[in-house]
Structures are given as structure tokens and as C-alpha cells.
Amino acid sequence: MLLTMTVAVASISPQVTFVSTISPASLFSQKCTNDGFIRMPLDVPGEILCFPSHLFVKSKIDFIVPPIFAALIVAASTCLVRAVGLFVET
């Protein structure tokens, strides 16, 4: 259960951060001068790239892929723990 919760938090937190960064209410996304464009976060702070906002809409697959990915990571972690024998039976 703890492993599942850890993976869930680890997979969802970057998504939440990214979506909140590119949301129209964010100050970060307000720096583009053209209407209908948003600024994308980059590793280099001085770089500004603006993209059309219609490219960043939520789709149905956005709700399906993260839970499937998290389930695969939990299953792989469980198999690794069992294969290596990291848990001790009491």
C-alpha cells in the first residue's frame, strides 16, 4: 500500500506542477505578447518559447495513461523486490 501511494504521488505531482504552470491564470504563461499563445517552461530561464494555446487541451487519454503507468511501475517494483528478496518474512 505504501509503495502504491508513493508511486501515485510521484507520478501525479509533476503533472499537477506542469498544468498549473501553463494554466491561463499563471503569471508564467502571461509573458507572451501574442493573444492565444502561452509560454512553455524550459530548463534555461532566459529562453522564452510561445506556443498556440489550442495545442494544450485536456484529452480523455490524460486521465487513462498516468494510472496505467503507475500500476506498471508498482508491479515492476513488486517483482523486483520479490526477485531480490528485500522483504523479510516474520
PDB file of N, CA and C in Angstrom:
ATOM      1  N   MET A   1       0.827  -1.193   0.000  1.00  0.00           N
ATOM      2  CA  MET A   1       0.000   0.000   0.000  1.00  0.00           C
ATOM      3  C   MET A   1       0.877   1.264   0.000  1.00  0.00           C
ATOM      4  N   LEU A   2       1.924   1.244   0.828  1.00  0.00           N
ATOM      5  CA  LEU A   2       2.824   2.386   0.894  1.00  0.00           C
ATOM      6  C   LEU A   2       3.548   2.588  -0.441  1.00  0.00           C
ATOM      7  N   LEU A   3       3.939   1.490  -1.069  1.00  0.00           N
ATOM      8  CA  LEU A   3       4.604   1.566  -2.366  1.00  0.00           C
ATOM      9  C   LEU A   3       3.665   2.148  -3.425  1.00  0.00           C
ATOM     10  N   THR A   4       2.422   1.742  -3.391  1.00  0.00           N
ATOM     11  CA  THR A   4       1.433   2.257  -4.345  1.00  0.00           C
ATOM     12  C   THR A   4       1.199   3.749  -4.156  1.00  0.00           C
ATOM     13  N   MET A   5       1.079   4.186  -2.923  1.00  0.00           N
ATOM     14  CA  MET A   5       0.860   5.609  -2.656  1.00  0.00           C
ATOM     15  C   MET A   5       2.080   6.445  -3.069  1.00  0.00           C
ATOM     16  N   THR A   6       3.267   5.920  -2.830  1.00  0.00           N
ATOM     17  CA  THR A   6       4.487   6.642  -3.213  1.00  0.00           C
ATOM     18  C   THR A   6       4.566   6.825  -4.715  1.00  0.00           C
ATOM     19  N   VAL A   7       4.269   5.769  -5.454  1.00  0.00           N
ATOM     20  CA  VAL A   7       4.299   5.848  -6.911  1.00  0.00           C
ATOM     21  C   VAL A   7       3.210   6.794  -7.417  1.00  0.00           C
ATOM     22  N   ALA A   8       2.046   6.748  -6.815  1.00  0.00           N
ATOM     23  CA  ALA A   8       0.956   7.628  -7.244  1.00  0.00           C
ATOM     24  C   ALA A   8       1.323   9.093  -7.047  1.00  0.00           C
ATOM     25  N   VAL A   9       1.872   9.424  -5.901  1.00  0.00           N
ATOM     26  CA  VAL A   9       2.272  10.811  -5.641  1.00  0.00           C
ATOM     27  C   VAL A   9       3.410  11.229  -6.571  1.00  0.00           C
ATOM     28  N   ALA A  10       4.361  10.328  -6.789  1.00  0.00           N
ATOM     29  CA  ALA A  10       5.494  10.645  -7.651  1.00  0.00           C
ATOM     30  C   ALA A  10       5.087  10.822  -9.103  1.00  0.00           C
ATOM     31  N   SER A  11       4.048  10.137  -9.547  1.00  0.00           N
ATOM     32  CA  SER A  11       3.644  10.265 -10.950  1.00  0.00           C
ATOM     33  C   SER A  11       2.670  11.418 -11.172  1.00  0.00           C
ATOM     34  N   ILE A  12       1.924  11.794 -10.157  1.00  0.00           N
ATOM     35  CA  ILE A  12       0.924  12.845 -10.325  1.00  0.00           C
ATOM     36  C   ILE A  12       1.500  14.235 -10.054  1.00  0.00           C
ATOM     37  N   SER A  13       2.457  14.363  -9.146  1.00  0.00           N
ATOM     38  CA  SER A  13       2.959  15.689  -8.788  1.00  0.00           C
ATOM     39  C   SER A  13       3.609  16.441  -9.953  1.00  0.00           C
ATOM     40  N   PRO A  14       4.396  15.821 -10.838  1.00  0.00           N
ATOM     41  CA  PRO A  14       4.909  16.593 -11.983  1.00  0.00           C
ATOM     42  C   PRO A  14       3.808  17.064 -12.922  1.00  0.00           C
ATOM     43  N   GLN A  15       2.763  16.257 -13.083  1.00  0.00           N
ATOM     44  CA  GLN A  15       1.644  16.665 -13.933  1.00  0.00           C
ATOM     45  C   GLN A  15       0.932  17.871 -13.360  1.00  0.00           C
ATOM     46  N   VAL A  16       0.683  17.848 -12.079  1.00  0.00           N
ATOM     47  CA  VAL A  16      -0.012  18.964 -11.429  1.00  0.00           C
ATOM     48  C   VAL A  16       0.831  20.238 -11.545  1.00  0.00           C
ATOM     49  N   THR A  17       2.120  20.118 -11.351  1.00  0.00           N
ATOM     50  CA  THR A  17       3.006  21.273 -11.464  1.00  0.00           C
ATOM     51  C   THR A  17       3.004  21.833 -12.876  1.00  0.00           C
ATOM     52  N   PHE A  18       3.099  20.965 -13.865  1.00  0.00           N
ATOM     53  CA  PHE A  18       3.131  21.402 -15.256  1.00  0.00           C
ATOM     54  C   PHE A  18       1.818  22.075 -15.652  1.00  0.00           C
ATOM     55  N   VAL A  19       0.694  21.465 -15.297  1.00  0.00           N
ATOM     56  CA  VAL A  19      -0.604  22.031 -15.656  1.00  0.00           C
ATOM     57  C   VAL A  19      -0.832  23.364 -14.968  1.00  0.00           C
ATOM     58  N   SER A  20      -0.426  23.482 -13.710  1.00  0.00           N
ATOM     59  CA  SER A  20      -0.607  24.763 -13.017  1.00  0.00           C
ATOM     60  C   SER A  20       0.317  25.836 -13.597  1.00  0.00           C
ATOM     61  N   THR A  21       1.469  25.435 -14.119  1.00  0.00           N
ATOM     62  CA  THR A  21       2.398  26.394 -14.713  1.00  0.00           C
ATOM     63  C   THR A  21       1.884  26.942 -16.032  1.00  0.00           C
ATOM     64  N   ILE A  22       1.250  26.098 -16.842  1.00  0.00           N
ATOM     65  CA  ILE A  22       0.781  26.562 -18.153  1.00  0.00           C
ATOM     66  C   ILE A  22      -0.667  27.034 -18.140  1.00  0.00           C
ATOM     67  N   SER A  23      -1.305  27.034 -16.976  1.00  0.00           N
ATOM     68  CA  SER A  23      -2.690  27.492 -16.921  1.00  0.00           C
ATOM     69  C   SER A  23      -2.761  28.993 -17.223  1.00  0.00           C
ATOM     70  N   PRO A  24      -3.873  29.450 -17.767  1.00  0.00           N
ATOM     71  CA  PRO A  24      -4.003  30.875 -18.101  1.00  0.00           C
ATOM     72  C   PRO A  24      -3.880  31.796 -16.889  1.00  0.00           C
ATOM     73  N   ALA A  25      -4.183  31.317 -15.698  1.00  0.00           N
ATOM     74  CA  ALA A  25      -4.100  32.156 -14.504  1.00  0.00           C
ATOM     75  C   ALA A  25      -2.668  32.326 -14.001  1.00  0.00           C
ATOM     76  N   SER A  26      -1.753  31.502 -14.476  1.00  0.00           N
ATOM     77  CA  SER A  26      -0.364  31.566 -14.033  1.00  0.00           C
ATOM     78  C   SER A  26       0.333  32.797 -14.606  1.00  0.00           C
ATOM     79  N   LEU A  27       1.142  33.438 -13.792  1.00  0.00           N
ATOM     80  CA  LEU A  27       1.921  34.579 -14.270  1.00  0.00           C
ATOM     81  C   LEU A  27       2.962  34.149 -15.295  1.00  0.00           C
ATOM     82  N   PHE A  28       3.393  32.917 -15.193  1.00  0.00           N
ATOM     83  CA  PHE A  28       4.391  32.407 -16.125  1.00  0.00           C
ATOM     84  C   PHE A  28       3.868  32.384 -17.554  1.00  0.00           C
ATOM     85  N   SER A  29       2.598  32.064 -17.717  1.00  0.00           N
ATOM     86  CA  SER A  29       2.042  31.941 -19.061  1.00  0.00           C
ATOM     87  C   SER A  29       1.597  33.283 -19.642  1.00  0.00           C
ATOM     88  N   GLN A  30       1.682  34.354 -18.894  1.00  0.00           N
ATOM     89  CA  GLN A  30       1.219  35.664 -19.351  1.00  0.00           C
ATOM     90  C   GLN A  30       2.295  36.459 -20.088  1.00  0.00           C
ATOM     91  N   LYS A  31       3.492  35.935 -20.256  1.00  0.00           N
ATOM     92  CA  LYS A  31       4.584  36.714 -20.810  1.00  0.00           C
ATOM     93  C   LYS A  31       4.621  36.754 -22.331  1.00  0.00           C
ATOM     94  N   CYS A  32       3.787  35.989 -23.011  1.00  0.00           N
ATOM     95  CA  CYS A  32       3.752  36.037 -24.467  1.00  0.00           C
ATOM     96  C   CYS A  32       2.949  37.261 -24.905  1.00  0.00           C
ATOM     97  N   THR A  33       3.440  37.955 -25.915  1.00  0.00           N
ATOM     98  CA  THR A  33       2.781  39.181 -26.360  1.00  0.00           C
ATOM     99  C   THR A  33       1.622  38.900 -27.312  1.00  0.00           C
ATOM    100  N   ASN A  34       1.643  37.779 -27.996  1.00  0.00           N
ATOM    101  CA  ASN A  34       0.564  37.448 -28.928  1.00  0.00           C
ATOM    102  C   ASN A  34      -0.610  36.822 -28.187  1.00  0.00           C
ATOM    103  N   ASP A  35      -1.828  37.194 -28.566  1.00  0.00           N
ATOM    104  CA  ASP A  35      -3.009  36.589 -27.961  1.00  0.00           C
ATOM    105  C   ASP A  35      -3.143  35.146 -28.443  1.00  0.00           C
ATOM    106  N   GLY A  36      -3.577  34.277 -27.548  1.00  0.00           N
ATOM    107  CA  GLY A  36      -3.780  32.884 -27.906  1.00  0.00           C
ATOM    108  C   GLY A  36      -2.523  32.041 -27.827  1.00  0.00           C
ATOM    109  N   PHE A  37      -1.445  32.595 -27.304  1.00  0.00           N
ATOM    110  CA  PHE A  37      -0.193  31.863 -27.154  1.00  0.00           C
ATOM    111  C   PHE A  37       0.174  31.788 -25.676  1.00  0.00           C
ATOM    112  N   ILE A  38       0.817  30.699 -25.292  1.00  0.00           N
ATOM    113  CA  ILE A  38       1.281  30.548 -23.916  1.00  0.00           C
ATOM    114  C   ILE A  38       2.771  30.233 -23.932  1.00  0.00           C
ATOM    115  N   ARG A  39       3.430  30.585 -22.850  1.00  0.00           N
ATOM    116  CA  ARG A  39       4.863  30.324 -22.713  1.00  0.00           C
ATOM    117  C   ARG A  39       5.045  28.952 -22.081  1.00  0.00           C
ATOM    118  N   MET A  40       5.970  28.165 -22.626  1.00  0.00           N
ATOM    119  CA  MET A  40       6.244  26.834 -22.098  1.00  0.00           C
ATOM    120  C   MET A  40       7.459  26.887 -21.175  1.00  0.00           C
ATOM    121  N   PRO A  41       7.412  26.172 -20.065  1.00  0.00           N
ATOM    122  CA  PRO A  41       8.558  26.150 -19.154  1.00  0.00           C
ATOM    123  C   PRO A  41       9.739  25.414 -19.781  1.00  0.00           C
ATOM    124  N   LEU A  42      10.910  25.985 -19.628  1.00  0.00           N
ATOM    125  CA  LEU A  42      12.147  25.399 -20.143  1.00  0.00           C
ATOM    126  C   LEU A  42      13.175  25.317 -19.023  1.00  0.00           C
ATOM    127  N   ASP A  43      14.248  24.574 -19.263  1.00  0.00           N
ATOM    128  CA  ASP A  43      15.315  24.472 -18.272  1.00  0.00           C
ATOM    129  C   ASP A  43      16.137  25.748 -18.188  1.00  0.00           C
ATOM    130  N   VAL A  44      16.247  26.461 -19.290  1.00  0.00           N
ATOM    131  CA  VAL A  44      17.030  27.692 -19.332  1.00  0.00           C
ATOM    132  C   VAL A  44      16.100  28.865 -19.038  1.00  0.00           C
ATOM    133  N   PRO A  45      16.286  29.581 -17.944  1.00  0.00           N
ATOM    134  CA  PRO A  45      15.355  30.641 -17.570  1.00  0.00           C
ATOM    135  C   PRO A  45      15.269  31.799 -18.561  1.00  0.00           C
ATOM    136  N   GLY A  46      16.310  32.104 -19.282  1.00  0.00           N
ATOM    137  CA  GLY A  46      16.292  33.238 -20.202  1.00  0.00           C
ATOM    138  C   GLY A  46      15.549  32.970 -21.498  1.00  0.00           C
ATOM    139  N   GLU A  47      15.301  31.719 -21.831  1.00  0.00           N
ATOM    140  CA  GLU A  47      14.635  31.365 -23.079  1.00  0.00           C
ATOM    141  C   GLU A  47      13.121  31.509 -22.942  1.00  0.00           C
ATOM    142  N   ILE A  48      12.497  32.100 -23.949  1.00  0.00           N
ATOM    143  CA  ILE A  48      11.043  32.231 -23.983  1.00  0.00           C
ATOM    144  C   ILE A  48      10.550  31.637 -25.288  1.00  0.00           C
ATOM    145  N   LEU A  49       9.767  30.564 -25.193  1.00  0.00           N
ATOM    146  CA  LEU A  49       9.134  29.959 -26.354  1.00  0.00           C
ATOM    147  C   LEU A  49       7.633  30.030 -26.168  1.00  0.00           C
ATOM    148  N   CYS A  50       6.949  30.562 -27.147  1.00  0.00           N
ATOM    149  CA  CYS A  50       5.498  30.676 -27.079  1.00  0.00           C
ATOM    150  C   CYS A  50       4.871  29.718 -28.079  1.00  0.00           C
ATOM    151  N   PHE A  51       3.842  29.026 -27.638  1.00  0.00           N
ATOM    152  CA  PHE A  51       3.132  28.070 -28.465  1.00  0.00           C
ATOM    153  C   PHE A  51       1.643  28.399 -28.472  1.00  0.00           C
ATOM    154  N   PRO A  52       0.926  28.025 -29.530  1.00  0.00           N
ATOM    155  CA  PRO A  52      -0.525  28.257 -29.553  1.00  0.00           C
ATOM    156  C   PRO A  52      -1.209  27.482 -28.423  1.00  0.00           C
ATOM    157  N   SER A  53      -2.110  28.159 -27.729  1.00  0.00           N
ATOM    158  CA  SER A  53      -2.750  27.534 -26.566  1.00  0.00           C
ATOM    159  C   SER A  53      -3.686  26.395 -26.940  1.00  0.00           C
ATOM    160  N   HIS A  54      -4.171  26.354 -28.184  1.00  0.00           N
ATOM    161  CA  HIS A  54      -5.083  25.272 -28.577  1.00  0.00           C
ATOM    162  C   HIS A  54      -4.371  23.917 -28.653  1.00  0.00           C
ATOM    163  N   LEU A  55      -3.040  23.921 -28.626  1.00  0.00           N
ATOM    164  CA  LEU A  55      -2.294  22.658 -28.631  1.00  0.00           C
ATOM    165  C   LEU A  55      -2.296  21.985 -27.267  1.00  0.00           C
ATOM    166  N   PHE A  56      -2.688  22.704 -26.220  1.00  0.00           N
ATOM    167  CA  PHE A  56      -2.612  22.191 -24.863  1.00  0.00           C
ATOM    168  C   PHE A  56      -3.986  22.088 -24.230  1.00  0.00           C
ATOM    169  N   VAL A  57      -4.801  21.223 -24.758  1.00  0.00           N
ATOM    170  CA  VAL A  57      -6.119  20.978 -24.191  1.00  0.00           C
ATOM    171  C   VAL A  57      -6.115  19.596 -23.552  1.00  0.00           C
ATOM    172  N   LYS A  58      -6.953  19.406 -22.567  1.00  0.00           N
ATOM    173  CA  LYS A  58      -7.050  18.112 -21.904  1.00  0.00           C
ATOM    174  C   LYS A  58      -7.800  17.144 -22.814  1.00  0.00           C
ATOM    175  N   SER A  59      -7.317  15.930 -22.847  1.00  0.00           N
ATOM    176  CA  SER A  59      -7.996  14.890 -23.609  1.00  0.00           C
ATOM    177  C   SER A  59      -8.344  13.742 -22.670  1.00  0.00           C
ATOM    178  N   LYS A  60      -9.114  12.799 -23.176  1.00  0.00           N
ATOM    179  CA  LYS A  60      -9.514  11.657 -22.345  1.00  0.00           C
ATOM    180  C   LYS A  60      -8.333  10.772 -22.002  1.00  0.00           C
ATOM    181  N   ILE A  61      -7.342  10.731 -22.866  1.00  0.00           N
ATOM    182  CA  ILE A  61      -6.184   9.871 -22.607  1.00  0.00           C
ATOM    183  C   ILE A  61      -5.340  10.385 -21.444  1.00  0.00           C
ATOM    184  N   ASP A  62      -5.445  11.672 -21.120  1.00  0.00           N
ATOM    185  CA  ASP A  62      -4.709  12.235 -19.992  1.00  0.00           C
ATOM    186  C   ASP A  62      -5.160  11.636 -18.663  1.00  0.00           C
ATOM    187  N   PHE A  63      -6.371  11.141 -18.602  1.00  0.00           N
ATOM    188  CA  PHE A  63      -6.870  10.527 -17.373  1.00  0.00           C
ATOM    189  C   PHE A  63      -6.598   9.031 -17.330  1.00  0.00           C
ATOM    190  N   ILE A  64      -6.260   8.423 -18.459  1.00  0.00           N
ATOM    191  CA  ILE A  64      -6.054   6.979 -18.531  1.00  0.00           C
ATOM    192  C   ILE A  64      -4.583   6.606 -18.380  1.00  0.00           C
ATOM    193  N   VAL A  65      -3.704   7.319 -19.027  1.00  0.00           N
ATOM    194  CA  VAL A  65      -2.290   6.942 -19.081  1.00  0.00           C
ATOM    195  C   VAL A  65      -1.596   6.987 -17.713  1.00  0.00           C
ATOM    196  N   PRO A  66      -1.724   8.049 -16.904  1.00  0.00           N
ATOM    197  CA  PRO A  66      -0.992   8.065 -15.618  1.00  0.00           C
ATOM    198  C   PRO A  66      -1.338   6.916 -14.674  1.00  0.00           C
ATOM    199  N   PRO A  67      -2.613   6.538 -14.488  1.00  0.00           N
ATOM    200  CA  PRO A  67      -2.874   5.387 -13.611  1.00  0.00           C
ATOM    201  C   PRO A  67      -2.313   4.076 -14.154  1.00  0.00           C
ATOM    202  N   ILE A  68      -2.355   3.905 -15.476  1.00  0.00           N
ATOM    203  CA  ILE A  68      -1.792   2.680 -16.056  1.00  0.00           C
ATOM    204  C   ILE A  68      -0.279   2.664 -15.853  1.00  0.00           C
ATOM    205  N   PHE A  69       0.362   3.807 -16.079  1.00  0.00           N
ATOM    206  CA  PHE A  69       1.807   3.905 -15.867  1.00  0.00           C
ATOM    207  C   PHE A  69       2.149   3.622 -14.406  1.00  0.00           C
ATOM    208  N   ALA A  70       1.393   4.198 -13.484  1.00  0.00           N
ATOM    209  CA  ALA A  70       1.648   3.980 -12.056  1.00  0.00           C
ATOM    210  C   ALA A  70       1.472   2.505 -11.696  1.00  0.00           C
ATOM    211  N   ALA A  71       0.457   1.860 -12.244  1.00  0.00           N
ATOM    212  CA  ALA A  71       0.231   0.437 -11.969  1.00  0.00           C
ATOM    213  C   ALA A  71       1.385  -0.409 -12.501  1.00  0.00           C
ATOM    214  N   LEU A  72       1.884  -0.072 -13.679  1.00  0.00           N
ATOM    215  CA  LEU A  72       3.027  -0.812 -14.231  1.00  0.00           C
ATOM    216  C   LEU A  72       4.280  -0.629 -13.383  1.00  0.00           C
ATOM    217  N   ILE A  73       4.513   0.572 -12.902  1.00  0.00           N
ATOM    218  CA  ILE A  73       5.676   0.832 -12.057  1.00  0.00           C
ATOM    219  C   ILE A  73       5.558   0.083 -10.730  1.00  0.00           C
ATOM    220  N   VAL A  74       4.370   0.060 -10.142  1.00  0.00           N
ATOM    221  CA  VAL A  74       4.166  -0.669  -8.889  1.00  0.00           C
ATOM    222  C   VAL A  74       4.380  -2.161  -9.114  1.00  0.00           C
ATOM    223  N   ALA A  75       3.844  -2.690 -10.209  1.00  0.00           N
ATOM    224  CA  ALA A  75       4.018  -4.116 -10.499  1.00  0.00           C
ATOM    225  C   ALA A  75       5.490  -4.453 -10.724  1.00  0.00           C
ATOM    226  N   ALA A  76       6.198  -3.604 -11.465  1.00  0.00           N
ATOM    227  CA  ALA A  76       7.619  -3.853 -11.699  1.00  0.00           C
ATOM    228  C   ALA A  76       8.417  -3.751 -10.401  1.00  0.00           C
ATOM    229  N   SER A  77       8.081  -2.787  -9.557  1.00  0.00           N
ATOM    230  CA  SER A  77       8.769  -2.644  -8.272  1.00  0.00           C
ATOM    231  C   SER A  77       8.528  -3.854  -7.388  1.00  0.00           C
ATOM    232  N   THR A  78       7.307  -4.345  -7.388  1.00  0.00           N
ATOM    233  CA  THR A  78       6.972  -5.523  -6.590  1.00  0.00           C
ATOM    234  C   THR A  78       7.741  -6.737  -7.079  1.00  0.00           C
ATOM    235  N   CYS A  79       7.818  -6.908  -8.388  1.00  0.00           N
ATOM    236  CA  CYS A  79       8.580  -8.037  -8.943  1.00  0.00           C
ATOM    237  C   CYS A  79      10.054  -7.918  -8.592  1.00  0.00           C
ATOM    238  N   LEU A  80      10.598  -6.716  -8.638  1.00  0.00           N
ATOM    239  CA  LEU A  80      11.995  -6.513  -8.289  1.00  0.00           C
ATOM    240  C   LEU A  80      12.246  -6.823  -6.817  1.00  0.00           C
ATOM    241  N   VAL A  81      11.355  -6.363  -5.950  1.00  0.00           N
ATOM    242  CA  VAL A  81      11.507  -6.610  -4.517  1.00  0.00           C
ATOM    243  C   VAL A  81      11.443  -8.102  -4.233  1.00  0.00           C
ATOM    244  N   ARG A  82      10.530  -8.805  -4.887  1.00  0.00           N
ATOM    245  CA  ARG A  82      10.414 -10.253  -4.681  1.00  0.00           C
ATOM    246  C   ARG A  82      11.623 -10.987  -5.246  1.00  0.00           C
ATOM    247  N   ALA A  83      12.117 -10.546  -6.411  1.00  0.00           N
ATOM    248  CA  ALA A  83      13.249 -11.222  -7.037  1.00  0.00           C
ATOM    249  C   ALA A  83      14.526 -11.047  -6.222  1.00  0.00           C
ATOM    250  N   VAL A  84      14.715  -9.870  -5.680  1.00  0.00           N
ATOM    251  CA  VAL A  84      15.920  -9.603  -4.906  1.00  0.00           C
ATOM    252  C   VAL A  84      15.782 -10.099  -3.475  1.00  0.00           C
ATOM    253  N   GLY A  85      14.556 -10.241  -3.031  1.00  0.00           N
ATOM    254  CA  GLY A  85      14.326 -10.724  -1.668  1.00  0.00           C
ATOM    255  C   GLY A  85      14.555  -9.660  -0.621  1.00  0.00           C
ATOM    256  N   LEU A  86      14.086  -8.441  -0.887  1.00  0.00           N
ATOM    257  CA  LEU A  86      14.320  -7.335   0.032  1.00  0.00           C
ATOM    258  C   LEU A  86      13.384  -7.323   1.250  1.00  0.00           C
ATOM    259  N   PHE A  87      12.324  -8.085   1.174  1.00  0.00           N
ATOM    260  CA  PHE A  87      11.425  -8.106   2.337  1.00  0.00           C
ATOM    261  C   PHE A  87      11.731  -9.342   3.174  1.00  0.00           C
ATOM    262  N   VAL A  88      11.456  -9.243   4.450  1.00  0.00           N
ATOM    263  CA  VAL A  88      11.744 -10.334   5.378  1.00  0.00           C
ATOM    264  C   VAL A  88      10.429 -10.819   5.957  1.00  0.00           C
ATOM    265  N   GLU A  89      10.217 -12.108   5.871  1.00  0.00           N
ATOM    266  CA  GLU A  89       9.003 -12.683   6.475  1.00  0.00           C
ATOM    267  C   GLU A  89       9.239 -12.874   7.954  1.00  0.00           C
ATOM    268  N   THR A  90       8.214 -12.585   8.730  1.00  0.00           N
ATOM    269  CA  THR A  90       8.352 -12.741  10.179  1.00  0.00           C
ATOM    270  C   THR A  90       7.648 -13.956  10.662  1.00  0.00           C
TER     271      THR A  90
END
